[in-house]
């Protein structure tokens, strides 16, 4: 239960906070872009089973690999892709928190 609250709190709450603080004039658009980054979870459809609550998605699914994460961090350095990069990095942080909570 706590893991789900933390996971979805990061997924939905942190982008809202970031959008409101750093992109105040266009916070709604920034928030929607960051929420849209959840589409990287479509790579879960390649796994069998599609959902496994005991599986860490970091470095398991193609869009959750360390190589993909390097690209997401790279997006932060360009103004045109920064919001997308922030959303993707937040997404990975949420998933990494799941992995960490499984080991504690």
N, C-alpha and C. Protein backbone atom coordinates (compact mmCIF):
# COMPACT_ATOMS: atom_id res chain seq x y z
N UNK A 1 0.82 -1.19 0.00
CA UNK A 1 0.00 0.00 0.00
C UNK A 1 0.87 1.26 0.00
N UNK A 2 1.84 1.32 0.93
CA UNK A 2 2.73 2.47 1.00
C UNK A 2 3.51 2.62 -0.31
N UNK A 3 3.95 1.49 -0.88
CA UNK A 3 4.70 1.53 -2.13
C UNK A 3 3.87 2.17 -3.24
N UNK A 4 2.60 1.83 -3.33
CA UNK A 4 1.72 2.41 -4.36
C UNK A 4 1.51 3.90 -4.14
N UNK A 5 1.35 4.29 -2.88
CA UNK A 5 1.15 5.71 -2.57
C UNK A 5 2.38 6.51 -2.97
N UNK A 6 3.56 6.01 -2.62
CA UNK A 6 4.81 6.69 -2.97
C UNK A 6 4.98 6.72 -4.49
N UNK A 7 4.77 5.57 -5.13
CA UNK A 7 4.96 5.45 -6.58
C UNK A 7 4.07 6.44 -7.33
N UNK A 8 2.78 6.39 -7.07
CA UNK A 8 1.86 7.26 -7.80
C UNK A 8 1.92 8.71 -7.32
N UNK A 9 2.35 8.91 -6.08
CA UNK A 9 2.59 10.26 -5.61
C UNK A 9 3.70 10.93 -6.40
N UNK A 10 4.75 10.17 -6.65
CA UNK A 10 5.86 10.70 -7.47
C UNK A 10 5.40 10.88 -8.91
N UNK A 11 4.70 9.89 -9.45
CA UNK A 11 4.25 9.96 -10.85
C UNK A 11 3.35 11.16 -11.13
N UNK A 12 2.42 11.44 -10.24
CA UNK A 12 1.46 12.51 -10.48
C UNK A 12 1.74 13.79 -9.70
N UNK A 13 2.22 13.66 -8.47
CA UNK A 13 2.43 14.82 -7.61
C UNK A 13 3.68 15.60 -7.93
N UNK A 14 4.79 14.90 -8.14
CA UNK A 14 6.05 15.60 -8.41
C UNK A 14 6.01 16.39 -9.72
N UNK A 15 5.47 15.83 -10.81
CA UNK A 15 5.36 16.65 -12.03
C UNK A 15 4.48 17.89 -11.83
N UNK A 16 3.42 17.74 -11.04
CA UNK A 16 2.56 18.90 -10.77
C UNK A 16 3.33 19.98 -10.00
N UNK A 17 4.07 19.56 -9.00
CA UNK A 17 4.87 20.49 -8.21
C UNK A 17 5.93 21.17 -9.08
N UNK A 18 6.64 20.39 -9.88
CA UNK A 18 7.68 20.95 -10.77
C UNK A 18 7.06 21.91 -11.78
N UNK A 19 5.93 21.49 -12.38
CA UNK A 19 5.27 22.34 -13.38
C UNK A 19 4.83 23.66 -12.76
N UNK A 20 4.27 23.60 -11.58
CA UNK A 20 3.76 24.81 -10.94
C UNK A 20 4.88 25.74 -10.48
N UNK A 21 5.98 25.16 -10.01
CA UNK A 21 7.08 26.00 -9.50
C UNK A 21 7.94 26.56 -10.64
N UNK A 22 8.31 25.72 -11.60
CA UNK A 22 9.29 26.13 -12.61
C UNK A 22 8.68 26.57 -13.94
N UNK A 23 7.44 26.22 -14.20
CA UNK A 23 6.80 26.57 -15.47
C UNK A 23 5.45 27.24 -15.19
N UNK A 24 5.45 28.16 -14.23
CA UNK A 24 4.21 28.74 -13.72
C UNK A 24 3.32 29.33 -14.81
N UNK A 25 3.88 29.99 -15.79
CA UNK A 25 3.04 30.62 -16.81
C UNK A 25 2.36 29.60 -17.72
N UNK A 26 2.97 28.44 -17.87
CA UNK A 26 2.39 27.37 -18.70
C UNK A 26 2.34 26.06 -17.93
N UNK A 27 1.99 26.11 -16.66
CA UNK A 27 2.09 24.92 -15.82
C UNK A 27 1.20 23.79 -16.28
N UNK A 28 0.03 24.11 -16.82
CA UNK A 28 -0.89 23.05 -17.27
C UNK A 28 -0.29 22.28 -18.44
N UNK A 29 0.27 22.99 -19.38
CA UNK A 29 0.90 22.33 -20.53
C UNK A 29 2.11 21.52 -20.09
N UNK A 30 2.93 22.10 -19.23
CA UNK A 30 4.11 21.39 -18.73
C UNK A 30 3.69 20.12 -17.99
N UNK A 31 2.66 20.22 -17.16
CA UNK A 31 2.18 19.07 -16.41
C UNK A 31 1.68 17.97 -17.35
N UNK A 32 0.91 18.35 -18.35
CA UNK A 32 0.38 17.36 -19.30
C UNK A 32 1.50 16.66 -20.07
N UNK A 33 2.52 17.42 -20.45
CA UNK A 33 3.66 16.81 -21.15
C UNK A 33 4.36 15.82 -20.23
N UNK A 34 4.57 16.22 -18.98
CA UNK A 34 5.25 15.31 -18.04
C UNK A 34 4.40 14.07 -17.75
N UNK A 35 3.09 14.22 -17.66
CA UNK A 35 2.22 13.07 -17.44
C UNK A 35 2.23 12.16 -18.67
N UNK A 36 2.36 12.74 -19.85
CA UNK A 36 2.39 11.95 -21.08
C UNK A 36 3.62 11.03 -21.15
N UNK A 37 4.64 11.35 -20.36
CA UNK A 37 5.83 10.49 -20.38
C UNK A 37 5.55 9.11 -19.80
N UNK A 38 4.40 8.94 -19.18
CA UNK A 38 4.02 7.60 -18.70
C UNK A 38 3.84 6.62 -19.85
N UNK A 39 3.77 7.15 -21.05
CA UNK A 39 3.66 6.27 -22.22
C UNK A 39 4.86 5.35 -22.38
N UNK A 40 5.98 5.66 -21.73
CA UNK A 40 7.11 4.74 -21.81
C UNK A 40 6.79 3.40 -21.14
N UNK A 41 5.73 3.38 -20.36
CA UNK A 41 5.31 2.11 -19.75
C UNK A 41 4.69 1.15 -20.76
N UNK A 42 4.50 1.60 -21.99
CA UNK A 42 4.02 0.69 -23.02
C UNK A 42 5.00 -0.45 -23.26
N UNK A 43 6.27 -0.24 -22.89
CA UNK A 43 7.24 -1.32 -23.05
C UNK A 43 6.95 -2.49 -22.12
N UNK A 44 6.10 -2.30 -21.14
CA UNK A 44 5.70 -3.40 -20.27
C UNK A 44 4.91 -4.45 -21.04
N UNK A 45 4.30 -4.03 -22.15
CA UNK A 45 3.53 -4.97 -22.97
C UNK A 45 4.43 -6.03 -23.62
N UNK A 46 5.72 -5.78 -23.66
CA UNK A 46 6.66 -6.74 -24.23
C UNK A 46 7.05 -7.83 -23.24
N UNK A 47 6.71 -7.66 -21.98
CA UNK A 47 7.10 -8.60 -20.93
C UNK A 47 6.00 -9.64 -20.71
N UNK A 48 6.42 -10.76 -20.18
CA UNK A 48 5.47 -11.80 -19.82
C UNK A 48 5.80 -12.26 -18.40
N UNK A 49 4.91 -12.07 -17.46
CA UNK A 49 3.61 -11.40 -17.56
C UNK A 49 3.77 -9.89 -17.71
N UNK A 50 2.74 -9.26 -18.23
CA UNK A 50 2.79 -7.82 -18.47
C UNK A 50 3.02 -7.08 -17.16
N UNK A 51 2.33 -7.48 -16.10
CA UNK A 51 2.48 -6.84 -14.80
C UNK A 51 2.93 -7.88 -13.78
N UNK A 52 4.02 -7.59 -13.13
CA UNK A 52 4.52 -8.44 -12.05
C UNK A 52 4.89 -7.52 -10.89
N UNK A 53 4.10 -7.53 -9.81
CA UNK A 53 4.37 -6.59 -8.72
C UNK A 53 5.72 -6.79 -8.04
N UNK A 54 6.33 -7.95 -8.23
CA UNK A 54 7.63 -8.21 -7.61
C UNK A 54 8.81 -7.95 -8.53
N UNK A 55 8.55 -7.39 -9.71
CA UNK A 55 9.62 -7.16 -10.68
C UNK A 55 10.02 -5.69 -10.68
N UNK A 56 11.31 -5.47 -10.68
CA UNK A 56 11.86 -4.12 -10.81
C UNK A 56 11.94 -3.80 -12.30
N UNK A 57 11.29 -2.72 -12.71
CA UNK A 57 11.28 -2.39 -14.14
C UNK A 57 12.58 -1.74 -14.61
N UNK A 58 13.39 -1.25 -13.68
CA UNK A 58 14.65 -0.61 -14.06
C UNK A 58 15.59 -1.65 -14.65
N UNK A 59 16.04 -1.36 -15.85
CA UNK A 59 16.94 -2.20 -16.64
C UNK A 59 16.32 -3.55 -17.00
N UNK A 60 15.00 -3.65 -16.92
CA UNK A 60 14.30 -4.85 -17.38
C UNK A 60 13.57 -4.56 -18.68
N UNK A 61 12.79 -3.49 -18.69
CA UNK A 61 12.04 -3.10 -19.89
C UNK A 61 12.91 -2.20 -20.76
N UNK A 62 12.75 -2.28 -22.09
CA UNK A 62 13.62 -1.52 -23.01
C UNK A 62 13.68 -0.01 -22.75
N UNK A 63 12.55 0.61 -22.43
CA UNK A 63 12.55 2.06 -22.21
C UNK A 63 12.88 2.43 -20.77
N UNK A 64 13.29 1.43 -19.98
CA UNK A 64 13.69 1.65 -18.60
C UNK A 64 15.14 1.22 -18.37
N UNK A 65 15.90 1.10 -19.46
CA UNK A 65 17.30 0.68 -19.35
C UNK A 65 18.19 1.87 -19.03
N UNK A 66 19.40 1.56 -18.62
CA UNK A 66 20.35 2.63 -18.31
C UNK A 66 20.68 3.45 -19.56
N UNK A 67 20.68 2.82 -20.73
CA UNK A 67 20.94 3.55 -21.98
C UNK A 67 19.82 4.55 -22.24
N UNK A 68 18.58 4.12 -22.05
CA UNK A 68 17.44 5.02 -22.23
C UNK A 68 17.50 6.16 -21.22
N UNK A 69 17.89 5.83 -20.00
CA UNK A 69 17.98 6.86 -18.96
C UNK A 69 19.02 7.92 -19.32
N UNK A 70 20.09 7.51 -19.95
CA UNK A 70 21.12 8.47 -20.38
C UNK A 70 20.52 9.44 -21.40
N UNK A 71 19.68 8.94 -22.29
CA UNK A 71 19.01 9.79 -23.27
C UNK A 71 18.07 10.76 -22.55
N UNK A 72 17.32 10.25 -21.56
CA UNK A 72 16.38 11.09 -20.82
C UNK A 72 17.11 12.23 -20.12
N UNK A 73 18.25 11.93 -19.53
CA UNK A 73 19.04 12.96 -18.86
C UNK A 73 19.57 13.95 -19.91
N UNK A 74 19.96 13.44 -21.06
CA UNK A 74 20.44 14.31 -22.14
C UNK A 74 19.39 15.31 -22.60
N UNK A 75 18.12 14.91 -22.55
CA UNK A 75 17.04 15.81 -22.95
C UNK A 75 16.94 17.04 -22.05
N UNK A 76 17.46 16.93 -20.85
CA UNK A 76 17.40 18.04 -19.89
C UNK A 76 18.25 19.23 -20.33
N UNK A 77 19.24 18.99 -21.17
CA UNK A 77 20.19 20.03 -21.55
C UNK A 77 19.72 20.92 -22.70
N UNK A 78 18.59 20.59 -23.30
CA UNK A 78 18.07 21.36 -24.43
C UNK A 78 16.72 21.96 -24.06
N UNK A 79 16.58 23.24 -24.27
CA UNK A 79 15.37 23.94 -23.86
C UNK A 79 14.11 23.33 -24.47
N UNK A 80 14.18 22.93 -25.73
CA UNK A 80 12.99 22.40 -26.42
C UNK A 80 12.56 21.04 -25.89
N UNK A 81 13.46 20.30 -25.27
CA UNK A 81 13.12 18.96 -24.79
C UNK A 81 13.17 18.86 -23.26
N UNK A 82 13.42 19.96 -22.59
CA UNK A 82 13.62 19.93 -21.14
C UNK A 82 12.42 19.40 -20.37
N UNK A 83 11.21 19.85 -20.70
CA UNK A 83 10.02 19.40 -19.96
C UNK A 83 9.82 17.90 -20.16
N UNK A 84 10.03 17.44 -21.38
CA UNK A 84 9.92 16.01 -21.66
C UNK A 84 10.96 15.23 -20.85
N UNK A 85 12.18 15.74 -20.84
CA UNK A 85 13.25 15.10 -20.07
C UNK A 85 12.95 15.06 -18.59
N UNK A 86 12.41 16.13 -18.06
CA UNK A 86 12.06 16.16 -16.63
C UNK A 86 11.01 15.11 -16.33
N UNK A 87 10.00 15.02 -17.18
CA UNK A 87 8.95 14.02 -16.98
C UNK A 87 9.49 12.60 -17.03
N UNK A 88 10.39 12.34 -17.97
CA UNK A 88 10.97 11.00 -18.09
C UNK A 88 11.85 10.66 -16.90
N UNK A 89 12.63 11.62 -16.44
CA UNK A 89 13.49 11.39 -15.28
C UNK A 89 12.63 11.16 -14.03
N UNK A 90 11.57 11.94 -13.87
CA UNK A 90 10.67 11.72 -12.74
C UNK A 90 10.04 10.33 -12.81
N UNK A 91 9.67 9.91 -14.00
CA UNK A 91 9.10 8.58 -14.19
C UNK A 91 10.09 7.50 -13.72
N UNK A 92 11.33 7.65 -14.12
CA UNK A 92 12.35 6.67 -13.73
C UNK A 92 12.59 6.72 -12.22
N UNK A 93 12.54 7.91 -11.64
CA UNK A 93 12.69 8.02 -10.18
C UNK A 93 11.57 7.26 -9.48
N UNK A 94 10.34 7.41 -9.98
CA UNK A 94 9.20 6.70 -9.38
C UNK A 94 9.41 5.19 -9.46
N UNK A 95 9.85 4.71 -10.62
CA UNK A 95 10.08 3.28 -10.79
C UNK A 95 11.26 2.79 -9.97
N UNK A 96 12.29 3.60 -9.85
CA UNK A 96 13.45 3.23 -9.04
C UNK A 96 13.08 3.16 -7.57
N UNK A 97 12.19 4.03 -7.14
CA UNK A 97 11.71 3.99 -5.77
C UNK A 97 11.01 2.66 -5.49
N UNK A 98 10.25 2.18 -6.46
CA UNK A 98 9.62 0.86 -6.33
C UNK A 98 10.67 -0.22 -6.09
N UNK A 99 11.71 -0.19 -6.89
CA UNK A 99 12.78 -1.20 -6.78
C UNK A 99 13.44 -1.12 -5.41
N UNK A 100 13.69 0.09 -4.96
CA UNK A 100 14.32 0.28 -3.66
C UNK A 100 13.41 -0.23 -2.54
N UNK A 101 12.12 0.07 -2.64
CA UNK A 101 11.18 -0.33 -1.59
C UNK A 101 11.01 -1.86 -1.54
N UNK A 102 11.22 -2.52 -2.67
CA UNK A 102 11.14 -3.99 -2.68
C UNK A 102 12.27 -4.63 -1.91
N UNK A 103 13.40 -3.93 -1.84
CA UNK A 103 14.56 -4.51 -1.17
C UNK A 103 14.61 -4.19 0.33
N UNK A 104 13.81 -3.23 0.75
CA UNK A 104 13.83 -2.82 2.17
C UNK A 104 12.92 -3.70 2.99
